[in-house]
């Protein structure tokens, strides 16, 4: 349901390791909350806990947990990473978004 590009995988493994998480066992938690320029805002953090309301996905050997409410907004999304001088960091390529803000951190349906 959520895909992880090769660049996002490499950066996630690096950052998880630096922050004391185990990329083989721990998760990237992604979600959606109200806020941002366009009405909905992406949330991304590392986690080692999975709750009853989470759904687990795995792509490109990266485990992703998403709360049930956010799944509807993130179906078909690809997590990408854009580095370099003009890079934005982690980027959500979300086919469900009808509009995104300039920074790419919020969207609307």
PDB file of N, CA and C in Angstrom:
ATOM      1  N   UNK A   1       0.811  -1.190   0.000  1.00  0.00           N
ATOM      2  CA  UNK A   1       0.000   0.000   0.000  1.00  0.00           C
ATOM      3  C   UNK A   1       0.858   1.259   0.000  1.00  0.00           C
ATOM      4  N   UNK A   2       1.965   1.266   0.749  1.00  0.00           N
ATOM      5  CA  UNK A   2       2.918   2.380   0.718  1.00  0.00           C
ATOM      6  C   UNK A   2       4.257   1.832   0.254  1.00  0.00           C
ATOM      7  N   UNK A   3       4.823   2.486  -0.743  1.00  0.00           N
ATOM      8  CA  UNK A   3       6.086   2.035  -1.304  1.00  0.00           C
ATOM      9  C   UNK A   3       7.221   2.933  -0.809  1.00  0.00           C
ATOM     10  N   UNK A   4       8.440   2.385  -0.836  1.00  0.00           N
ATOM     11  CA  UNK A   4       9.628   3.114  -0.394  1.00  0.00           C
ATOM     12  C   UNK A   4      10.656   3.064  -1.517  1.00  0.00           C
ATOM     13  N   UNK A   5      11.066   4.239  -2.004  1.00  0.00           N
ATOM     14  CA  UNK A   5      12.076   4.281  -3.070  1.00  0.00           C
ATOM     15  C   UNK A   5      13.434   3.869  -2.511  1.00  0.00           C
ATOM     16  N   UNK A   6      14.354   3.554  -3.409  1.00  0.00           N
ATOM     17  CA  UNK A   6      15.705   3.168  -2.990  1.00  0.00           C
ATOM     18  C   UNK A   6      16.406   4.287  -2.228  1.00  0.00           C
ATOM     19  N   UNK A   7      16.234   5.545  -2.690  1.00  0.00           N
ATOM     20  CA  UNK A   7      16.858   6.679  -2.013  1.00  0.00           C
ATOM     21  C   UNK A   7      16.284   6.871  -0.613  1.00  0.00           C
ATOM     22  N   UNK A   8      14.958   6.723  -0.481  1.00  0.00           N
ATOM     23  CA  UNK A   8      14.318   6.863   0.837  1.00  0.00           C
ATOM     24  C   UNK A   8      14.763   5.742   1.766  1.00  0.00           C
ATOM     25  N   UNK A   9      14.911   4.547   1.228  1.00  0.00           N
ATOM     26  CA  UNK A   9      15.370   3.429   2.051  1.00  0.00           C
ATOM     27  C   UNK A   9      16.771   3.704   2.591  1.00  0.00           C
ATOM     28  N   UNK A  10      17.667   4.117   1.724  1.00  0.00           N
ATOM     29  CA  UNK A  10      19.055   4.360   2.144  1.00  0.00           C
ATOM     30  C   UNK A  10      19.116   5.435   3.222  1.00  0.00           C
ATOM     31  N   UNK A  11      18.380   6.523   3.051  1.00  0.00           N
ATOM     32  CA  UNK A  11      18.399   7.603   4.029  1.00  0.00           C
ATOM     33  C   UNK A  11      17.717   7.171   5.329  1.00  0.00           C
ATOM     34  N   UNK A  12      16.631   6.424   5.230  1.00  0.00           N
ATOM     35  CA  UNK A  12      15.940   5.950   6.429  1.00  0.00           C
ATOM     36  C   UNK A  12      16.833   5.031   7.246  1.00  0.00           C
ATOM     37  N   UNK A  13      17.521   4.118   6.594  1.00  0.00           N
ATOM     38  CA  UNK A  13      18.431   3.204   7.298  1.00  0.00           C
ATOM     39  C   UNK A  13      19.528   4.009   8.001  1.00  0.00           C
ATOM     40  N   UNK A  14      20.093   4.990   7.308  1.00  0.00           N
ATOM     41  CA  UNK A  14      21.139   5.830   7.894  1.00  0.00           C
ATOM     42  C   UNK A  14      20.613   6.581   9.121  1.00  0.00           C
ATOM     43  N   UNK A  15      19.469   7.250   8.977  1.00  0.00           N
ATOM     44  CA  UNK A  15      18.932   8.056  10.079  1.00  0.00           C
ATOM     45  C   UNK A  15      18.455   7.196  11.244  1.00  0.00           C
ATOM     46  N   UNK A  16      17.841   6.068  10.938  1.00  0.00           N
ATOM     47  CA  UNK A  16      17.380   5.176  12.005  1.00  0.00           C
ATOM     48  C   UNK A  16      18.566   4.700  12.838  1.00  0.00           C
ATOM     49  N   UNK A  17      19.635   4.317  12.163  1.00  0.00           N
ATOM     50  CA  UNK A  17      20.834   3.850  12.855  1.00  0.00           C
ATOM     51  C   UNK A  17      21.430   4.958  13.716  1.00  0.00           C
ATOM     52  N   UNK A  18      21.515   6.165  13.152  1.00  0.00           N
ATOM     53  CA  UNK A  18      22.059   7.303  13.895  1.00  0.00           C
ATOM     54  C   UNK A  18      21.235   7.622  15.141  1.00  0.00           C
ATOM     55  N   UNK A  19      19.919   7.401  15.069  1.00  0.00           N
ATOM     56  CA  UNK A  19      19.027   7.738  16.182  1.00  0.00           C
ATOM     57  C   UNK A  19      18.785   6.561  17.130  1.00  0.00           C
ATOM     58  N   UNK A  20      19.514   5.459  16.920  1.00  0.00           N
ATOM     59  CA  UNK A  20      19.427   4.329  17.840  1.00  0.00           C
ATOM     60  C   UNK A  20      18.326   3.334  17.545  1.00  0.00           C
ATOM     61  N   UNK A  21      17.733   3.411  16.372  1.00  0.00           N
ATOM     62  CA  UNK A  21      16.718   2.446  15.967  1.00  0.00           C
ATOM     63  C   UNK A  21      17.376   1.360  15.121  1.00  0.00           C
ATOM     64  N   UNK A  22      16.745   0.197  15.098  1.00  0.00           N
ATOM     65  CA  UNK A  22      17.228  -0.918  14.297  1.00  0.00           C
ATOM     66  C   UNK A  22      16.383  -0.975  13.020  1.00  0.00           C
ATOM     67  N   UNK A  23      16.951  -0.676  11.844  1.00  0.00           N
ATOM     68  CA  UNK A  23      16.176  -0.637  10.606  1.00  0.00           C
ATOM     69  C   UNK A  23      15.566  -1.986  10.210  1.00  0.00           C
ATOM     70  N   UNK A  24      16.073  -3.073  10.778  1.00  0.00           N
ATOM     71  CA  UNK A  24      15.536  -4.396  10.461  1.00  0.00           C
ATOM     72  C   UNK A  24      14.288  -4.689  11.298  1.00  0.00           C
ATOM     73  N   UNK A  25      14.273  -4.203  12.541  1.00  0.00           N
ATOM     74  CA  UNK A  25      13.179  -4.528  13.453  1.00  0.00           C
ATOM     75  C   UNK A  25      12.210  -3.373  13.691  1.00  0.00           C
ATOM     76  N   UNK A  26      12.690  -2.129  13.642  1.00  0.00           N
ATOM     77  CA  UNK A  26      11.856  -0.981  13.977  1.00  0.00           C
ATOM     78  C   UNK A  26      11.141  -0.442  12.738  1.00  0.00           C
ATOM     79  N   UNK A  27      10.334   0.606  12.929  1.00  0.00           N
ATOM     80  CA  UNK A  27       9.406   1.066  11.905  1.00  0.00           C
ATOM     81  C   UNK A  27       9.625   2.533  11.548  1.00  0.00           C
ATOM     82  N   UNK A  28       9.152   2.856  10.361  1.00  0.00           N
ATOM     83  CA  UNK A  28       8.892   4.246  10.014  1.00  0.00           C
ATOM     84  C   UNK A  28       7.392   4.421  10.214  1.00  0.00           C
ATOM     85  N   UNK A  29       7.014   5.354  11.057  1.00  0.00           N
ATOM     86  CA  UNK A  29       5.594   5.636  11.293  1.00  0.00           C
ATOM     87  C   UNK A  29       5.212   6.826  10.429  1.00  0.00           C
ATOM     88  N   UNK A  30       4.236   6.617   9.552  1.00  0.00           N
ATOM     89  CA  UNK A  30       3.730   7.708   8.726  1.00  0.00           C
ATOM     90  C   UNK A  30       2.249   7.895   9.018  1.00  0.00           C
ATOM     91  N   UNK A  31       1.799   9.120   8.872  1.00  0.00           N
ATOM     92  CA  UNK A  31       0.405   9.424   9.135  1.00  0.00           C
ATOM     93  C   UNK A  31       0.035  10.770   8.562  1.00  0.00           C
ATOM     94  N   UNK A  32      -1.196  11.152   8.844  1.00  0.00           N
ATOM     95  CA  UNK A  32      -1.752  12.407   8.371  1.00  0.00           C
ATOM     96  C   UNK A  32      -2.450  13.069   9.549  1.00  0.00           C
ATOM     97  N   UNK A  33      -2.282  14.379   9.678  1.00  0.00           N
ATOM     98  CA  UNK A  33      -3.010  15.123  10.705  1.00  0.00           C
ATOM     99  C   UNK A  33      -3.495  16.433  10.101  1.00  0.00           C
ATOM    100  N   UNK A  34      -4.459  17.045  10.745  1.00  0.00           N
ATOM    101  CA  UNK A  34      -4.961  18.344  10.292  1.00  0.00           C
ATOM    102  C   UNK A  34      -3.881  19.385  10.473  1.00  0.00           C
ATOM    103  N   UNK A  35      -3.765  20.274   9.482  1.00  0.00           N
ATOM    104  CA  UNK A  35      -2.798  21.356   9.575  1.00  0.00           C
ATOM    105  C   UNK A  35      -2.111  21.618   8.263  1.00  0.00           C
ATOM    106  N   UNK A  36      -1.137  22.462   8.288  1.00  0.00           N
ATOM    107  CA  UNK A  36      -0.377  22.794   7.087  1.00  0.00           C
ATOM    108  C   UNK A  36      -1.115  23.779   6.197  1.00  0.00           C
ATOM    109  N   UNK A  37      -0.472  24.193   5.145  1.00  0.00           N
ATOM    110  CA  UNK A  37      -1.019  25.195   4.220  1.00  0.00           C
ATOM    111  C   UNK A  37      -2.249  24.697   3.465  1.00  0.00           C
ATOM    112  N   UNK A  38      -2.309  23.408   3.212  1.00  0.00           N
ATOM    113  CA  UNK A  38      -3.374  22.866   2.371  1.00  0.00           C
ATOM    114  C   UNK A  38      -4.445  22.099   3.143  1.00  0.00           C
ATOM    115  N   UNK A  39      -4.348  22.027   4.447  1.00  0.00           N
ATOM    116  CA  UNK A  39      -5.401  21.392   5.242  1.00  0.00           C
ATOM    117  C   UNK A  39      -5.009  20.103   5.929  1.00  0.00           C
ATOM    118  N   UNK A  40      -4.181  19.293   5.291  1.00  0.00           N
ATOM    119  CA  UNK A  40      -3.703  18.045   5.880  1.00  0.00           C
ATOM    120  C   UNK A  40      -2.184  18.025   5.814  1.00  0.00           C
ATOM    121  N   UNK A  41      -1.577  17.494   6.849  1.00  0.00           N
ATOM    122  CA  UNK A  41      -0.124  17.519   6.954  1.00  0.00           C
ATOM    123  C   UNK A  41       0.406  16.101   7.157  1.00  0.00           C
ATOM    124  N   UNK A  42       1.502  15.778   6.476  1.00  0.00           N
ATOM    125  CA  UNK A  42       2.145  14.480   6.642  1.00  0.00           C
ATOM    126  C   UNK A  42       2.923  14.434   7.953  1.00  0.00           C
ATOM    127  N   UNK A  43       2.960  13.241   8.552  1.00  0.00           N
ATOM    128  CA  UNK A  43       3.735  13.012   9.763  1.00  0.00           C
ATOM    129  C   UNK A  43       4.654  11.827   9.483  1.00  0.00           C
ATOM    130  N   UNK A  44       5.935  11.951   9.841  1.00  0.00           N
ATOM    131  CA  UNK A  44       6.894  10.868   9.663  1.00  0.00           C
ATOM    132  C   UNK A  44       7.835  10.873  10.854  1.00  0.00           C
ATOM    133  N   UNK A  45       7.980   9.712  11.480  1.00  0.00           N
ATOM    134  CA  UNK A  45       8.945   9.555  12.577  1.00  0.00           C
ATOM    135  C   UNK A  45       9.324   8.086  12.672  1.00  0.00           C
ATOM    136  N   UNK A  46      10.370   7.810  13.414  1.00  0.00           N
ATOM    137  CA  UNK A  46      10.788   6.437  13.643  1.00  0.00           C
ATOM    138  C   UNK A  46      10.151   5.947  14.928  1.00  0.00           C
ATOM    139  N   UNK A  47       9.847   4.649  14.984  1.00  0.00           N
ATOM    140  CA  UNK A  47       9.141   4.102  16.142  1.00  0.00           C
ATOM    141  C   UNK A  47       9.545   2.644  16.321  1.00  0.00           C
ATOM    142  N   UNK A  48       9.445   2.173  17.562  1.00  0.00           N
ATOM    143  CA  UNK A  48       9.696   0.752  17.827  1.00  0.00           C
ATOM    144  C   UNK A  48       8.482   0.099  18.482  1.00  0.00           C
ATOM    145  N   UNK A  49       7.345   0.807  18.460  1.00  0.00           N
ATOM    146  CA  UNK A  49       6.105   0.288  19.025  1.00  0.00           C
ATOM    147  C   UNK A  49       5.029   0.260  17.945  1.00  0.00           C
ATOM    148  N   UNK A  50       4.247  -0.799  17.942  1.00  0.00           N
ATOM    149  CA  UNK A  50       3.113  -0.934  17.026  1.00  0.00           C
ATOM    150  C   UNK A  50       1.869  -1.117  17.881  1.00  0.00           C
ATOM    151  N   UNK A  51       0.813  -0.345  17.603  1.00  0.00           N
ATOM    152  CA  UNK A  51      -0.415  -0.431  18.393  1.00  0.00           C
ATOM    153  C   UNK A  51      -1.448  -1.294  17.670  1.00  0.00           C
ATOM    154  N   UNK A  52      -2.548  -1.559  18.353  1.00  0.00           N
ATOM    155  CA  UNK A  52      -3.626  -2.363  17.776  1.00  0.00           C
ATOM    156  C   UNK A  52      -4.278  -1.684  16.582  1.00  0.00           C
ATOM    157  N   UNK A  53      -4.242  -0.370  16.538  1.00  0.00           N
ATOM    158  CA  UNK A  53      -4.890   0.354  15.445  1.00  0.00           C
ATOM    159  C   UNK A  53      -3.952   0.617  14.268  1.00  0.00           C
ATOM    160  N   UNK A  54      -2.725   0.131  14.346  1.00  0.00           N
ATOM    161  CA  UNK A  54      -1.755   0.315  13.260  1.00  0.00           C
ATOM    162  C   UNK A  54      -1.862  -0.808  12.237  1.00  0.00           C
ATOM    163  N   UNK A  55      -1.593  -0.458  11.005  1.00  0.00           N
ATOM    164  CA  UNK A  55      -1.445  -1.459   9.962  1.00  0.00           C
ATOM    165  C   UNK A  55       0.016  -1.445   9.531  1.00  0.00           C
ATOM    166  N   UNK A  56       0.579  -2.630   9.378  1.00  0.00           N
ATOM    167  CA  UNK A  56       1.989  -2.778   9.025  1.00  0.00           C
ATOM    168  C   UNK A  56       2.118  -3.069   7.542  1.00  0.00           C
ATOM    169  N   UNK A  57       3.019  -2.347   6.898  1.00  0.00           N
ATOM    170  CA  UNK A  57       3.367  -2.579   5.495  1.00  0.00           C
ATOM    171  C   UNK A  57       4.874  -2.763   5.433  1.00  0.00           C
ATOM    172  N   UNK A  58       5.333  -3.487   4.439  1.00  0.00           N
ATOM    173  CA  UNK A  58       6.776  -3.615   4.232  1.00  0.00           C
ATOM    174  C   UNK A  58       7.058  -3.501   2.748  1.00  0.00           C
ATOM    175  N   UNK A  59       7.985  -2.628   2.411  1.00  0.00           N
ATOM    176  CA  UNK A  59       8.410  -2.467   1.029  1.00  0.00           C
ATOM    177  C   UNK A  59       9.899  -2.153   1.029  1.00  0.00           C
ATOM    178  N   UNK A  60      10.623  -2.761   0.122  1.00  0.00           N
ATOM    179  CA  UNK A  60      12.053  -2.501  -0.032  1.00  0.00           C
ATOM    180  C   UNK A  60      12.793  -2.753   1.286  1.00  0.00           C
ATOM    181  N   UNK A  61      12.322  -3.768   2.027  1.00  0.00           N
ATOM    182  CA  UNK A  61      12.897  -4.168   3.313  1.00  0.00           C
ATOM    183  C   UNK A  61      12.798  -3.095   4.397  1.00  0.00           C
ATOM    184  N   UNK A  62      11.843  -2.194   4.267  1.00  0.00           N
ATOM    185  CA  UNK A  62      11.565  -1.176   5.285  1.00  0.00           C
ATOM    186  C   UNK A  62      10.152  -1.419   5.808  1.00  0.00           C
ATOM    187  N   UNK A  63      10.017  -1.454   7.130  1.00  0.00           N
ATOM    188  CA  UNK A  63       8.710  -1.649   7.759  1.00  0.00           C
ATOM    189  C   UNK A  63       8.082  -0.285   8.025  1.00  0.00           C
ATOM    190  N   UNK A  64       6.822  -0.164   7.628  1.00  0.00           N
ATOM    191  CA  UNK A  64       6.087   1.081   7.799  1.00  0.00           C
ATOM    192  C   UNK A  64       4.814   0.781   8.571  1.00  0.00           C
ATOM    193  N   UNK A  65       4.529   1.579   9.590  1.00  0.00           N
ATOM    194  CA  UNK A  65       3.258   1.463  10.302  1.00  0.00           C
ATOM    195  C   UNK A  65       2.446   2.725  10.056  1.00  0.00           C
ATOM    196  N   UNK A  66       1.143   2.506   9.864  1.00  0.00           N
ATOM    197  CA  UNK A  66       0.217   3.596   9.590  1.00  0.00           C
ATOM    198  C   UNK A  66      -1.023   3.378  10.446  1.00  0.00           C
ATOM    199  N   UNK A  67      -1.485   4.438  11.119  1.00  0.00           N
ATOM    200  CA  UNK A  67      -2.719   4.302  11.880  1.00  0.00           C
ATOM    201  C   UNK A  67      -3.898   4.179  10.910  1.00  0.00           C
ATOM    202  N   UNK A  68      -4.964   3.515  11.350  1.00  0.00           N
ATOM    203  CA  UNK A  68      -6.090   3.204  10.459  1.00  0.00           C
ATOM    204  C   UNK A  68      -6.711   4.447   9.832  1.00  0.00           C
ATOM    205  N   UNK A  69      -6.757   5.542  10.570  1.00  0.00           N
ATOM    206  CA  UNK A  69      -7.351   6.768  10.032  1.00  0.00           C
ATOM    207  C   UNK A  69      -6.551   7.305   8.842  1.00  0.00           C
ATOM    208  N   UNK A  70      -5.245   7.203   8.904  1.00  0.00           N
ATOM    209  CA  UNK A  70      -4.383   7.766   7.862  1.00  0.00           C
ATOM    210  C   UNK A  70      -4.303   6.906   6.607  1.00  0.00           C
ATOM    211  N   UNK A  71      -4.644   5.627   6.721  1.00  0.00           N
ATOM    212  CA  UNK A  71      -4.527   4.717   5.574  1.00  0.00           C
ATOM    213  C   UNK A  71      -5.327   5.219   4.381  1.00  0.00           C
ATOM    214  N   UNK A  72      -6.521   5.744   4.626  1.00  0.00           N
ATOM    215  CA  UNK A  72      -7.370   6.233   3.543  1.00  0.00           C
ATOM    216  C   UNK A  72      -6.696   7.340   2.738  1.00  0.00           C
ATOM    217  N   UNK A  73      -5.920   8.175   3.406  1.00  0.00           N
ATOM    218  CA  UNK A  73      -5.263   9.298   2.745  1.00  0.00           C
ATOM    219  C   UNK A  73      -3.964   8.899   2.056  1.00  0.00           C
ATOM    220  N   UNK A  74      -3.357   7.792   2.490  1.00  0.00           N
ATOM    221  CA  UNK A  74      -2.016   7.436   2.021  1.00  0.00           C
ATOM    222  C   UNK A  74      -1.969   6.251   1.061  1.00  0.00           C
ATOM    223  N   UNK A  75      -3.109   5.682   0.718  1.00  0.00           N
ATOM    224  CA  UNK A  75      -3.140   4.517  -0.174  1.00  0.00           C
ATOM    225  C   UNK A  75      -2.433   4.832  -1.490  1.00  0.00           C
ATOM    226  N   UNK A  76      -1.470   3.996  -1.851  1.00  0.00           N
ATOM    227  CA  UNK A  76      -0.750   4.164  -3.110  1.00  0.00           C
ATOM    228  C   UNK A  76       0.402   5.145  -3.071  1.00  0.00           C
ATOM    229  N   UNK A  77       0.709   5.693  -1.903  1.00  0.00           N
ATOM    230  CA  UNK A  77       1.764   6.692  -1.754  1.00  0.00           C
ATOM    231  C   UNK A  77       3.147   6.043  -1.833  1.00  0.00           C
ATOM    232  N   UNK A  78       4.088   6.766  -2.412  1.00  0.00           N
ATOM    233  CA  UNK A  78       5.489   6.351  -2.429  1.00  0.00           C
ATOM    234  C   UNK A  78       6.292   7.341  -1.599  1.00  0.00           C
ATOM    235  N   UNK A  79       7.051   6.811  -0.652  1.00  0.00           N
ATOM    236  CA  UNK A  79       7.949   7.632   0.155  1.00  0.00           C
ATOM    237  C   UNK A  79       9.262   7.749  -0.602  1.00  0.00           C
ATOM    238  N   UNK A  80       9.650   8.993  -0.898  1.00  0.00           N
ATOM    239  CA  UNK A  80      10.870   9.237  -1.641  1.00  0.00           C
ATOM    240  C   UNK A  80      11.776  10.151  -0.823  1.00  0.00           C
ATOM    241  N   UNK A  81      13.023  10.266  -1.250  1.00  0.00           N
ATOM    242  CA  UNK A  81      13.953  11.169  -0.573  1.00  0.00           C
ATOM    243  C   UNK A  81      14.641  12.028  -1.616  1.00  0.00           C
ATOM    244  N   UNK A  82      14.629  13.331  -1.370  1.00  0.00           N
ATOM    245  CA  UNK A  82      15.269  14.276  -2.271  1.00  0.00           C
ATOM    246  C   UNK A  82      16.369  14.989  -1.505  1.00  0.00           C
ATOM    247  N   UNK A  83      17.611  14.726  -1.854  1.00  0.00           N
ATOM    248  CA  UNK A  83      18.745  15.344  -1.162  1.00  0.00           C
ATOM    249  C   UNK A  83      19.373  16.422  -2.005  1.00  0.00           C
ATOM    250  N   UNK A  84      20.560  16.830  -1.660  1.00  0.00           N
ATOM    251  CA  UNK A  84      21.287  17.834  -2.426  1.00  0.00           C
ATOM    252  C   UNK A  84      20.962  19.244  -1.978  1.00  0.00           C
ATOM    253  N   UNK A  85      21.434  20.222  -2.718  1.00  0.00           N
ATOM    254  CA  UNK A  85      21.271  21.623  -2.350  1.00  0.00           C
ATOM    255  C   UNK A  85      19.817  22.060  -2.311  1.00  0.00           C
ATOM    256  N   UNK A  86      19.021  21.594  -3.253  1.00  0.00           N
ATOM    257  CA  UNK A  86      17.618  21.989  -3.310  1.00  0.00           C
ATOM    258  C   UNK A  86      16.692  20.903  -2.776  1.00  0.00           C
ATOM    259  N   UNK A  87      17.257  19.898  -2.140  1.00  0.00           N
ATOM    260  CA  UNK A  87      16.467  18.769  -1.659  1.00  0.00           C
ATOM    261  C   UNK A  87      15.536  19.154  -0.524  1.00  0.00           C
ATOM    262  N   UNK A  88      14.451  18.410  -0.411  1.00  0.00           N
ATOM    263  CA  UNK A  88      13.444  18.671   0.603  1.00  0.00           C
ATOM    264  C   UNK A  88      13.441  17.618   1.693  1.00  0.00           C
ATOM    265  N   UNK A  89      14.296  16.610   1.619  1.00  0.00           N
ATOM    266  CA  UNK A  89      14.258  15.518   2.577  1.00  0.00           C
ATOM    267  C   UNK A  89      13.268  14.462   2.113  1.00  0.00           C
ATOM    268  N   UNK A  90      12.550  13.875   3.064  1.00  0.00           N
ATOM    269  CA  UNK A  90      11.558  12.864   2.700  1.00  0.00           C
ATOM    270  C   UNK A  90      10.371  13.541   2.031  1.00  0.00           C
ATOM    271  N   UNK A  91       9.911  12.933   0.944  1.00  0.00           N
ATOM    272  CA  UNK A  91       8.819  13.480   0.147  1.00  0.00           C
ATOM    273  C   UNK A  91       7.771  12.389  -0.041  1.00  0.00           C
ATOM    274  N   UNK A  92       6.505  12.760   0.128  1.00  0.00           N
ATOM    275  CA  UNK A  92       5.401  11.837  -0.100  1.00  0.00           C
ATOM    276  C   UNK A  92       4.853  12.069  -1.496  1.00  0.00           C
ATOM    277  N   UNK A  93       4.961  11.068  -2.359  1.00  0.00           N
ATOM    278  CA  UNK A  93       4.369  11.135  -3.688  1.00  0.00           C
ATOM    279  C   UNK A  93       3.002  10.470  -3.577  1.00  0.00           C
ATOM    280  N   UNK A  94       1.976  11.273  -3.342  1.00  0.00           N
ATOM    281  CA  UNK A  94       0.643  10.785  -3.006  1.00  0.00           C
ATOM    282  C   UNK A  94      -0.323  10.988  -4.164  1.00  0.00           C
ATOM    283  N   UNK A  95      -0.780   9.901  -4.805  1.00  0.00           N
ATOM    284  CA  UNK A  95      -1.712  10.038  -5.931  1.00  0.00           C
ATOM    285  C   UNK A  95      -3.099  10.517  -5.505  1.00  0.00           C
ATOM    286  N   UNK A  96      -3.414  10.487  -4.223  1.00  0.00           N
ATOM    287  CA  UNK A  96      -4.717  10.923  -3.732  1.00  0.00           C
ATOM    288  C   UNK A  96      -4.803  12.429  -3.527  1.00  0.00           C
ATOM    289  N   UNK A  97      -3.666  13.101  -3.488  1.00  0.00           N
ATOM    290  CA  UNK A  97      -3.642  14.541  -3.229  1.00  0.00           C
ATOM    291  C   UNK A  97      -4.061  15.303  -4.475  1.00  0.00           C
ATOM    292  N   UNK A  98      -5.072  16.146  -4.330  1.00  0.00           N
ATOM    293  CA  UNK A  98      -5.488  16.964  -5.465  1.00  0.00           C
ATOM    294  C   UNK A  98      -4.722  18.279  -5.515  1.00  0.00           C
ATOM    295  N   UNK A  99      -4.175  18.674  -4.344  1.00  0.00           N
ATOM    296  CA  UNK A  99      -3.410  19.914  -4.265  1.00  0.00           C
ATOM    297  C   UNK A  99      -2.366  19.756  -3.169  1.00  0.00           C
ATOM    298  N   UNK A 100      -1.157  20.234  -3.428  1.00  0.00           N
ATOM    299  CA  UNK A 100      -0.114  20.222  -2.402  1.00  0.00           C
ATOM    300  C   UNK A 100       0.430  21.642  -2.261  1.00  0.00           C
ATOM    301  N   UNK A 101       0.995  21.923  -1.100  1.00  0.00           N
ATOM    302  CA  UNK A 101       1.590  23.254  -0.901  1.00  0.00           C
ATOM    303  C   UNK A 101       2.976  23.274  -1.529  1.00  0.00           C
ATOM    304  N   UNK A 102       3.573  24.432  -1.573  1.00  0.00           N
ATOM    305  CA  UNK A 102       4.885  24.597  -2.192  1.00  0.00           C
ATOM    306  C   UNK A 102       5.980  23.803  -1.515  1.00  0.00           C
ATOM    307  N   UNK A 103       5.883  23.629  -0.198  1.00  0.00           N
ATOM    308  CA  UNK A 103       6.924  22.898   0.520  1.00  0.00           C
ATOM    309  C   UNK A 103       6.741  21.387   0.419  1.00  0.00           C
ATOM    310  N   UNK A 104       5.557  20.927  -0.002  1.00  0.00           N
ATOM    311  CA  UNK A 104       5.302  19.494  -0.154  1.00  0.00           C
ATOM    312  C   UNK A 104       4.988  18.766   1.133  1.00  0.00           C
ATOM    313  N   UNK A 105       4.824  19.518   2.225  1.00  0.00           N
ATOM    314  CA  UNK A 105       4.563  18.875   3.512  1.00  0.00           C
ATOM    315  C   UNK A 105       3.086  18.806   3.856  1.00  0.00           C
ATOM    316  N   UNK A 106       2.232  19.456   3.062  1.00  0.00           N
ATOM    317  CA  UNK A 106       0.803  19.361   3.307  1.00  0.00           C
ATOM    318  C   UNK A 106       0.072  19.201   1.982  1.00  0.00           C
ATOM    319  N   UNK A 107      -1.185  18.772   2.089  1.00  0.00           N
ATOM    320  CA  UNK A 107      -1.966  18.478   0.879  1.00  0.00           C
ATOM    321  C   UNK A 107      -3.453  18.555   1.197  1.00  0.00           C
ATOM    322  N   UNK A 108      -4.244  18.492   0.143  1.00  0.00           N
ATOM    323  CA  UNK A 108      -5.694  18.381   0.305  1.00  0.00           C
ATOM    324  C   UNK A 108      -6.195  17.360  -0.704  1.00  0.00           C
ATOM    325  N   UNK A 109      -7.391  16.862  -0.452  1.00  0.00           N
ATOM    326  CA  UNK A 109      -7.988  15.854  -1.330  1.00  0.00           C
ATOM    327  C   UNK A 109      -9.006  16.486  -2.248  1.00  0.00           C
TER     328      UNK A 109
END
